[in-house]
Amino acid sequence: MKQGNLRIMALAGVGLAASAALARAEALAALTLSPGHALNLDVGGTHIAGYFIDRGNQCALVLTVVGAGDLQQASVSHVEMTVGGGGVARLQSDPESSLSFSCDNGAQRMRVWKNDGLSGAGSVE
């Protein structure tokens, strides 16, 4: 693994160590996060870790995505996106599934749920 990728993973680990909300995506109906609380999911062969913060009543989402494979060969991506209050963003993790992130008005809660296939069909509370 490249040294830059190791730095990204180390920074993500430090940021996520303070608090963790753990769930397996296979059993994920909907996960509710508070600002600064960690997200740590396995979706298919992809591992996704991250958190969000309130940035002016919008959810600023920061994710580290580690692809399938052993750690020497795995791809690592850093994703940052802003989701407006009342808005939804989707991250396609593999051809068979994706994750949706909804930001409640006021950015004090973010919901995460798994979608099946490319249609985006899934569930949220």
N, C-alpha and C. Protein backbone atom coordinates (compact mmCIF):
# COMPACT_ATOMS: atom_id res chain seq x y z
N MET A 1 0.85 -1.18 0.00
CA MET A 1 0.00 0.00 0.00
C MET A 1 0.89 1.23 0.00
N LYS A 2 0.48 2.24 -0.71
CA LYS A 2 1.27 3.46 -0.81
C LYS A 2 1.25 4.22 0.51
N GLN A 3 2.32 4.97 0.76
CA GLN A 3 2.45 5.71 2.00
C GLN A 3 1.33 6.75 2.16
N GLY A 4 0.91 7.40 1.09
CA GLY A 4 -0.17 8.38 1.15
C GLY A 4 -1.48 7.74 1.60
N ASN A 5 -1.74 6.52 1.12
CA ASN A 5 -2.94 5.80 1.54
C ASN A 5 -2.88 5.46 3.01
N LEU A 6 -1.68 5.11 3.50
CA LEU A 6 -1.53 4.80 4.92
C LEU A 6 -1.84 6.03 5.76
N ARG A 7 -1.40 7.21 5.31
CA ARG A 7 -1.70 8.45 6.04
C ARG A 7 -3.19 8.70 6.09
N ILE A 8 -3.88 8.50 4.97
CA ILE A 8 -5.34 8.69 4.93
C ILE A 8 -6.01 7.75 5.92
N MET A 9 -5.60 6.49 5.91
CA MET A 9 -6.21 5.52 6.82
C MET A 9 -5.90 5.87 8.26
N ALA A 10 -4.69 6.32 8.54
CA ALA A 10 -4.33 6.69 9.91
C ALA A 10 -5.14 7.89 10.38
N LEU A 11 -5.29 8.90 9.52
CA LEU A 11 -6.08 10.07 9.88
C LEU A 11 -7.54 9.69 10.10
N ALA A 12 -8.07 8.83 9.25
CA ALA A 12 -9.46 8.40 9.41
C ALA A 12 -9.62 7.64 10.72
N GLY A 13 -8.65 6.78 11.05
CA GLY A 13 -8.71 6.02 12.30
C GLY A 13 -8.69 6.91 13.52
N VAL A 14 -7.85 7.93 13.51
CA VAL A 14 -7.77 8.87 14.64
C VAL A 14 -9.09 9.61 14.79
N GLY A 15 -9.66 10.07 13.67
CA GLY A 15 -10.92 10.81 13.73
C GLY A 15 -12.08 9.96 14.17
N LEU A 16 -12.01 8.67 13.90
CA LEU A 16 -13.13 7.80 14.22
C LEU A 16 -13.01 7.13 15.58
N ALA A 17 -11.85 7.19 16.18
CA ALA A 17 -11.63 6.48 17.44
C ALA A 17 -12.44 7.06 18.60
N ALA A 18 -12.80 8.32 18.54
CA ALA A 18 -13.50 8.97 19.65
C ALA A 18 -14.84 8.33 19.94
N SER A 19 -15.59 7.98 18.92
CA SER A 19 -16.88 7.35 19.13
C SER A 19 -17.20 6.49 17.93
N ALA A 20 -17.90 5.38 18.15
CA ALA A 20 -18.19 4.48 17.04
C ALA A 20 -19.62 3.98 17.10
N ALA A 21 -20.28 4.04 15.98
CA ALA A 21 -21.58 3.41 15.81
C ALA A 21 -21.34 2.30 14.79
N LEU A 22 -21.28 1.06 15.25
CA LEU A 22 -20.92 -0.05 14.39
C LEU A 22 -22.17 -0.77 13.91
N ALA A 23 -22.15 -1.19 12.65
CA ALA A 23 -23.25 -1.96 12.10
C ALA A 23 -22.75 -2.72 10.89
N ARG A 24 -23.35 -3.84 10.62
CA ARG A 24 -23.07 -4.56 9.39
C ARG A 24 -24.13 -4.16 8.39
N ALA A 25 -23.73 -3.79 7.19
CA ALA A 25 -24.66 -3.28 6.19
C ALA A 25 -25.70 -4.33 5.81
N GLU A 26 -25.35 -5.61 5.90
CA GLU A 26 -26.31 -6.64 5.54
C GLU A 26 -27.54 -6.58 6.44
N ALA A 27 -27.38 -6.14 7.69
CA ALA A 27 -28.48 -6.07 8.63
C ALA A 27 -28.99 -4.64 8.80
N LEU A 28 -28.52 -3.74 7.96
CA LEU A 28 -28.83 -2.33 8.11
C LEU A 28 -30.18 -1.99 7.52
N ALA A 29 -31.15 -1.66 8.37
CA ALA A 29 -32.41 -1.12 7.88
C ALA A 29 -32.22 0.38 7.74
N ALA A 30 -31.85 1.02 8.82
CA ALA A 30 -31.49 2.44 8.81
C ALA A 30 -30.68 2.70 10.06
N LEU A 31 -29.58 3.38 9.91
CA LEU A 31 -28.70 3.74 11.01
C LEU A 31 -28.77 5.24 11.16
N THR A 32 -28.98 5.70 12.39
CA THR A 32 -29.06 7.14 12.64
C THR A 32 -27.79 7.60 13.34
N LEU A 33 -27.16 8.63 12.78
CA LEU A 33 -25.92 9.17 13.33
C LEU A 33 -26.14 10.58 13.86
N SER A 34 -25.39 10.93 14.88
CA SER A 34 -25.32 12.29 15.39
C SER A 34 -24.03 12.91 14.88
N PRO A 35 -23.93 14.24 14.84
CA PRO A 35 -22.69 14.87 14.37
C PRO A 35 -21.46 14.36 15.13
N GLY A 36 -20.43 14.00 14.40
CA GLY A 36 -19.17 13.57 14.99
C GLY A 36 -19.11 12.10 15.36
N HIS A 37 -20.21 11.38 15.34
CA HIS A 37 -20.19 9.96 15.67
C HIS A 37 -19.79 9.15 14.44
N ALA A 38 -19.03 8.11 14.67
CA ALA A 38 -18.43 7.35 13.58
C ALA A 38 -19.40 6.38 12.91
N LEU A 39 -19.15 6.16 11.64
CA LEU A 39 -19.84 5.17 10.83
C LEU A 39 -18.80 4.16 10.39
N ASN A 40 -19.10 2.88 10.53
CA ASN A 40 -18.14 1.83 10.19
C ASN A 40 -18.93 0.66 9.62
N LEU A 41 -18.91 0.51 8.28
CA LEU A 41 -19.76 -0.49 7.62
C LEU A 41 -18.98 -1.34 6.63
N ASP A 42 -19.43 -2.56 6.47
CA ASP A 42 -18.98 -3.43 5.39
C ASP A 42 -20.14 -3.60 4.43
N VAL A 43 -19.94 -3.24 3.17
CA VAL A 43 -20.97 -3.38 2.15
C VAL A 43 -20.37 -4.24 1.04
N GLY A 44 -20.81 -5.48 0.96
CA GLY A 44 -20.19 -6.39 0.01
C GLY A 44 -18.73 -6.55 0.38
N GLY A 45 -17.84 -6.33 -0.56
CA GLY A 45 -16.40 -6.42 -0.28
C GLY A 45 -15.77 -5.08 0.03
N THR A 46 -16.58 -4.05 0.25
CA THR A 46 -16.08 -2.70 0.48
C THR A 46 -16.27 -2.31 1.94
N HIS A 47 -15.25 -1.70 2.53
CA HIS A 47 -15.35 -1.20 3.90
C HIS A 47 -15.45 0.33 3.84
N ILE A 48 -16.43 0.88 4.56
CA ILE A 48 -16.66 2.33 4.56
C ILE A 48 -16.65 2.84 5.99
N ALA A 49 -15.80 3.82 6.26
CA ALA A 49 -15.72 4.44 7.58
C ALA A 49 -15.86 5.94 7.39
N GLY A 50 -16.50 6.61 8.34
CA GLY A 50 -16.64 8.05 8.22
C GLY A 50 -17.43 8.68 9.35
N TYR A 51 -17.78 9.93 9.14
CA TYR A 51 -18.54 10.71 10.11
C TYR A 51 -19.10 11.92 9.38
N PHE A 52 -19.99 12.67 10.05
CA PHE A 52 -20.46 13.94 9.49
C PHE A 52 -20.45 14.99 10.58
N ILE A 53 -20.39 16.24 10.17
CA ILE A 53 -20.51 17.37 11.09
C ILE A 53 -21.52 18.35 10.52
N ASP A 54 -22.10 19.16 11.40
CA ASP A 54 -23.02 20.21 11.00
C ASP A 54 -22.19 21.39 10.48
N ARG A 55 -22.43 21.73 9.23
CA ARG A 55 -21.73 22.88 8.64
C ARG A 55 -22.81 23.81 8.08
N GLY A 56 -23.27 24.73 8.92
CA GLY A 56 -24.28 25.69 8.47
C GLY A 56 -25.59 25.04 8.10
N ASN A 57 -26.11 24.15 8.96
CA ASN A 57 -27.37 23.43 8.73
C ASN A 57 -27.32 22.49 7.53
N GLN A 58 -26.11 22.08 7.14
CA GLN A 58 -25.91 21.06 6.14
C GLN A 58 -25.01 19.99 6.74
N CYS A 59 -25.14 18.76 6.28
CA CYS A 59 -24.32 17.66 6.77
C CYS A 59 -23.07 17.54 5.90
N ALA A 60 -21.91 17.83 6.48
CA ALA A 60 -20.63 17.66 5.78
C ALA A 60 -20.15 16.25 6.10
N LEU A 61 -20.20 15.37 5.11
CA LEU A 61 -19.91 13.96 5.26
C LEU A 61 -18.50 13.66 4.78
N VAL A 62 -17.73 12.93 5.59
CA VAL A 62 -16.36 12.55 5.26
C VAL A 62 -16.28 11.02 5.34
N LEU A 63 -15.87 10.38 4.25
CA LEU A 63 -15.81 8.92 4.20
C LEU A 63 -14.45 8.46 3.69
N THR A 64 -14.00 7.33 4.22
CA THR A 64 -12.86 6.61 3.68
C THR A 64 -13.39 5.27 3.20
N VAL A 65 -13.13 4.94 1.95
CA VAL A 65 -13.65 3.73 1.32
C VAL A 65 -12.48 2.84 0.97
N VAL A 66 -12.48 1.61 1.50
CA VAL A 66 -11.42 0.65 1.24
C VAL A 66 -12.02 -0.50 0.44
N GLY A 67 -11.50 -0.69 -0.77
CA GLY A 67 -12.01 -1.73 -1.66
C GLY A 67 -11.61 -3.12 -1.23
N ALA A 68 -12.20 -4.10 -1.90
CA ALA A 68 -11.93 -5.51 -1.61
C ALA A 68 -10.48 -5.86 -1.92
N GLY A 69 -10.01 -6.91 -1.30
CA GLY A 69 -8.65 -7.38 -1.52
C GLY A 69 -7.85 -7.30 -0.25
N ASP A 70 -6.66 -7.89 -0.28
CA ASP A 70 -5.82 -7.80 0.91
C ASP A 70 -5.30 -6.37 1.03
N LEU A 71 -4.84 -6.01 2.21
CA LEU A 71 -4.46 -4.63 2.47
C LEU A 71 -3.32 -4.13 1.60
N GLN A 72 -2.50 -5.03 1.08
CA GLN A 72 -1.41 -4.61 0.19
C GLN A 72 -1.93 -4.18 -1.18
N GLN A 73 -3.09 -4.71 -1.59
CA GLN A 73 -3.62 -4.44 -2.93
C GLN A 73 -4.90 -3.61 -2.93
N ALA A 74 -5.50 -3.41 -1.79
CA ALA A 74 -6.80 -2.73 -1.72
C ALA A 74 -6.70 -1.27 -2.16
N SER A 75 -7.73 -0.81 -2.84
CA SER A 75 -7.79 0.60 -3.21
C SER A 75 -8.41 1.38 -2.05
N VAL A 76 -7.91 2.60 -1.85
CA VAL A 76 -8.41 3.46 -0.78
C VAL A 76 -8.82 4.79 -1.40
N SER A 77 -10.04 5.22 -1.08
CA SER A 77 -10.53 6.51 -1.57
C SER A 77 -11.02 7.34 -0.41
N HIS A 78 -10.85 8.63 -0.54
CA HIS A 78 -11.34 9.59 0.45
C HIS A 78 -12.43 10.40 -0.23
N VAL A 79 -13.63 10.41 0.37
CA VAL A 79 -14.77 11.09 -0.23
C VAL A 79 -15.31 12.12 0.75
N GLU A 80 -15.51 13.34 0.27
CA GLU A 80 -16.15 14.37 1.07
C GLU A 80 -17.32 14.92 0.27
N MET A 81 -18.47 15.06 0.92
CA MET A 81 -19.63 15.64 0.26
C MET A 81 -20.48 16.38 1.27
N THR A 82 -21.21 17.36 0.79
CA THR A 82 -22.13 18.12 1.63
C THR A 82 -23.54 17.78 1.19
N VAL A 83 -24.38 17.40 2.16
CA VAL A 83 -25.77 17.05 1.90
C VAL A 83 -26.62 18.11 2.58
N GLY A 84 -27.43 18.81 1.79
CA GLY A 84 -28.29 19.86 2.33
C GLY A 84 -29.36 19.30 3.25
N GLY A 85 -29.81 20.13 4.20
CA GLY A 85 -30.88 19.73 5.10
C GLY A 85 -32.09 19.26 4.31
N GLY A 86 -32.58 18.06 4.60
CA GLY A 86 -33.69 17.48 3.87
C GLY A 86 -33.26 16.75 2.61
N GLY A 87 -31.96 16.77 2.29
CA GLY A 87 -31.46 16.15 1.07
C GLY A 87 -30.95 14.74 1.28
N VAL A 88 -30.70 14.06 0.17
CA VAL A 88 -30.19 12.68 0.19
C VAL A 88 -29.05 12.57 -0.82
N ALA A 89 -27.97 11.89 -0.43
CA ALA A 89 -26.87 11.57 -1.34
C ALA A 89 -26.70 10.06 -1.37
N ARG A 90 -26.18 9.54 -2.48
CA ARG A 90 -26.00 8.10 -2.61
C ARG A 90 -24.58 7.78 -3.03
N LEU A 91 -24.01 6.75 -2.42
CA LEU A 91 -22.67 6.27 -2.74
C LEU A 91 -22.79 4.85 -3.27
N GLN A 92 -22.39 4.64 -4.52
CA GLN A 92 -22.44 3.32 -5.14
C GLN A 92 -21.19 2.57 -4.71
N SER A 93 -21.35 1.52 -3.89
CA SER A 93 -20.20 0.80 -3.37
C SER A 93 -19.78 -0.36 -4.26
N ASP A 94 -20.71 -0.98 -4.94
CA ASP A 94 -20.43 -2.03 -5.91
C ASP A 94 -21.65 -2.14 -6.82
N PRO A 95 -21.60 -2.96 -7.88
CA PRO A 95 -22.73 -3.01 -8.82
C PRO A 95 -24.05 -3.47 -8.19
N GLU A 96 -23.97 -4.16 -7.08
CA GLU A 96 -25.18 -4.72 -6.48
C GLU A 96 -25.76 -3.90 -5.34
N SER A 97 -25.04 -2.92 -4.83
CA SER A 97 -25.57 -2.19 -3.68
C SER A 97 -24.98 -0.79 -3.59
N SER A 98 -25.69 0.05 -2.85
CA SER A 98 -25.23 1.40 -2.59
C SER A 98 -25.71 1.82 -1.21
N LEU A 99 -25.17 2.92 -0.72
CA LEU A 99 -25.62 3.49 0.55
C LEU A 99 -26.23 4.84 0.27
N SER A 100 -27.32 5.16 0.98
CA SER A 100 -27.92 6.48 0.92
C SER A 100 -27.71 7.18 2.24
N PHE A 101 -27.48 8.49 2.17
CA PHE A 101 -27.25 9.33 3.34
C PHE A 101 -28.24 10.47 3.29
N SER A 102 -29.12 10.57 4.29
CA SER A 102 -30.06 11.69 4.32
C SER A 102 -29.71 12.60 5.49
N CYS A 103 -29.79 13.89 5.24
CA CYS A 103 -29.49 14.90 6.25
C CYS A 103 -30.80 15.52 6.71
N ASP A 104 -31.13 15.36 7.99
CA ASP A 104 -32.34 15.98 8.51
C ASP A 104 -32.18 17.49 8.54
N ASN A 105 -33.28 18.20 8.44
CA ASN A 105 -33.24 19.66 8.54
C ASN A 105 -32.59 20.05 9.85
N GLY A 106 -31.68 20.97 9.81
CA GLY A 106 -30.93 21.39 10.99
C GLY A 106 -29.62 20.64 11.16
N ALA A 107 -29.40 19.58 10.39
CA ALA A 107 -28.14 18.81 10.37
C ALA A 107 -27.76 18.24 11.74
N GLN A 108 -28.74 17.87 12.54
CA GLN A 108 -28.44 17.27 13.83
C GLN A 108 -28.58 15.75 13.80
N ARG A 109 -28.96 15.23 12.63
CA ARG A 109 -29.09 13.79 12.48
C ARG A 109 -28.92 13.42 11.02
N MET A 110 -28.19 12.33 10.80
CA MET A 110 -28.03 11.80 9.45
C MET A 110 -28.43 10.34 9.49
N ARG A 111 -29.23 9.93 8.52
CA ARG A 111 -29.64 8.53 8.42
C ARG A 111 -28.89 7.89 7.26
N VAL A 112 -28.52 6.62 7.46
CA VAL A 112 -27.78 5.86 6.46
C VAL A 112 -28.51 4.56 6.25
N TRP A 113 -28.71 4.18 4.99
CA TRP A 113 -29.32 2.90 4.71
C TRP A 113 -28.77 2.31 3.43
N LYS A 114 -28.88 0.98 3.34
CA LYS A 114 -28.37 0.23 2.19
C LYS A 114 -29.48 0.11 1.16
N ASN A 115 -29.10 0.29 -0.11
CA ASN A 115 -30.01 0.12 -1.24
C ASN A 115 -29.65 -1.17 -1.96
N ASP A 116 -30.63 -1.81 -2.55
CA ASP A 116 -30.40 -3.03 -3.31
C ASP A 116 -30.29 -2.71 -4.79
N GLY A 117 -29.23 -3.19 -5.44
CA GLY A 117 -29.07 -3.04 -6.88
C GLY A 117 -28.94 -1.60 -7.33
N LEU A 118 -29.06 -1.39 -8.62
CA LEU A 118 -28.90 -0.07 -9.20
C LEU A 118 -30.14 0.79 -9.06
N SER A 119 -31.28 0.18 -8.72
CA SER A 119 -32.53 0.95 -8.63
C SER A 119 -32.55 1.89 -7.44
N GLY A 120 -31.73 1.61 -6.44
CA GLY A 120 -31.72 2.45 -5.25
C GLY A 120 -32.82 2.12 -4.28
N ALA A 121 -33.57 1.03 -4.54
CA ALA A 121 -34.65 0.65 -3.62
C ALA A 121 -34.05 0.24 -2.30
N GLY A 122 -34.57 0.78 -1.24
CA GLY A 122 -34.09 0.46 0.10
C GLY A 122 -35.11 0.90 1.10
N SER A 123 -34.69 0.97 2.35
CA SER A 123 -35.63 1.36 3.38
C SER A 123 -35.02 2.43 4.26
N VAL A 124 -35.86 3.26 4.78
CA VAL A 124 -35.46 4.27 5.75
C VAL A 124 -36.63 4.44 6.70
N GLU A 125 -36.32 4.75 7.95
CA GLU A 125 -37.38 4.94 8.94
C GLU A 125 -38.20 6.16 8.65
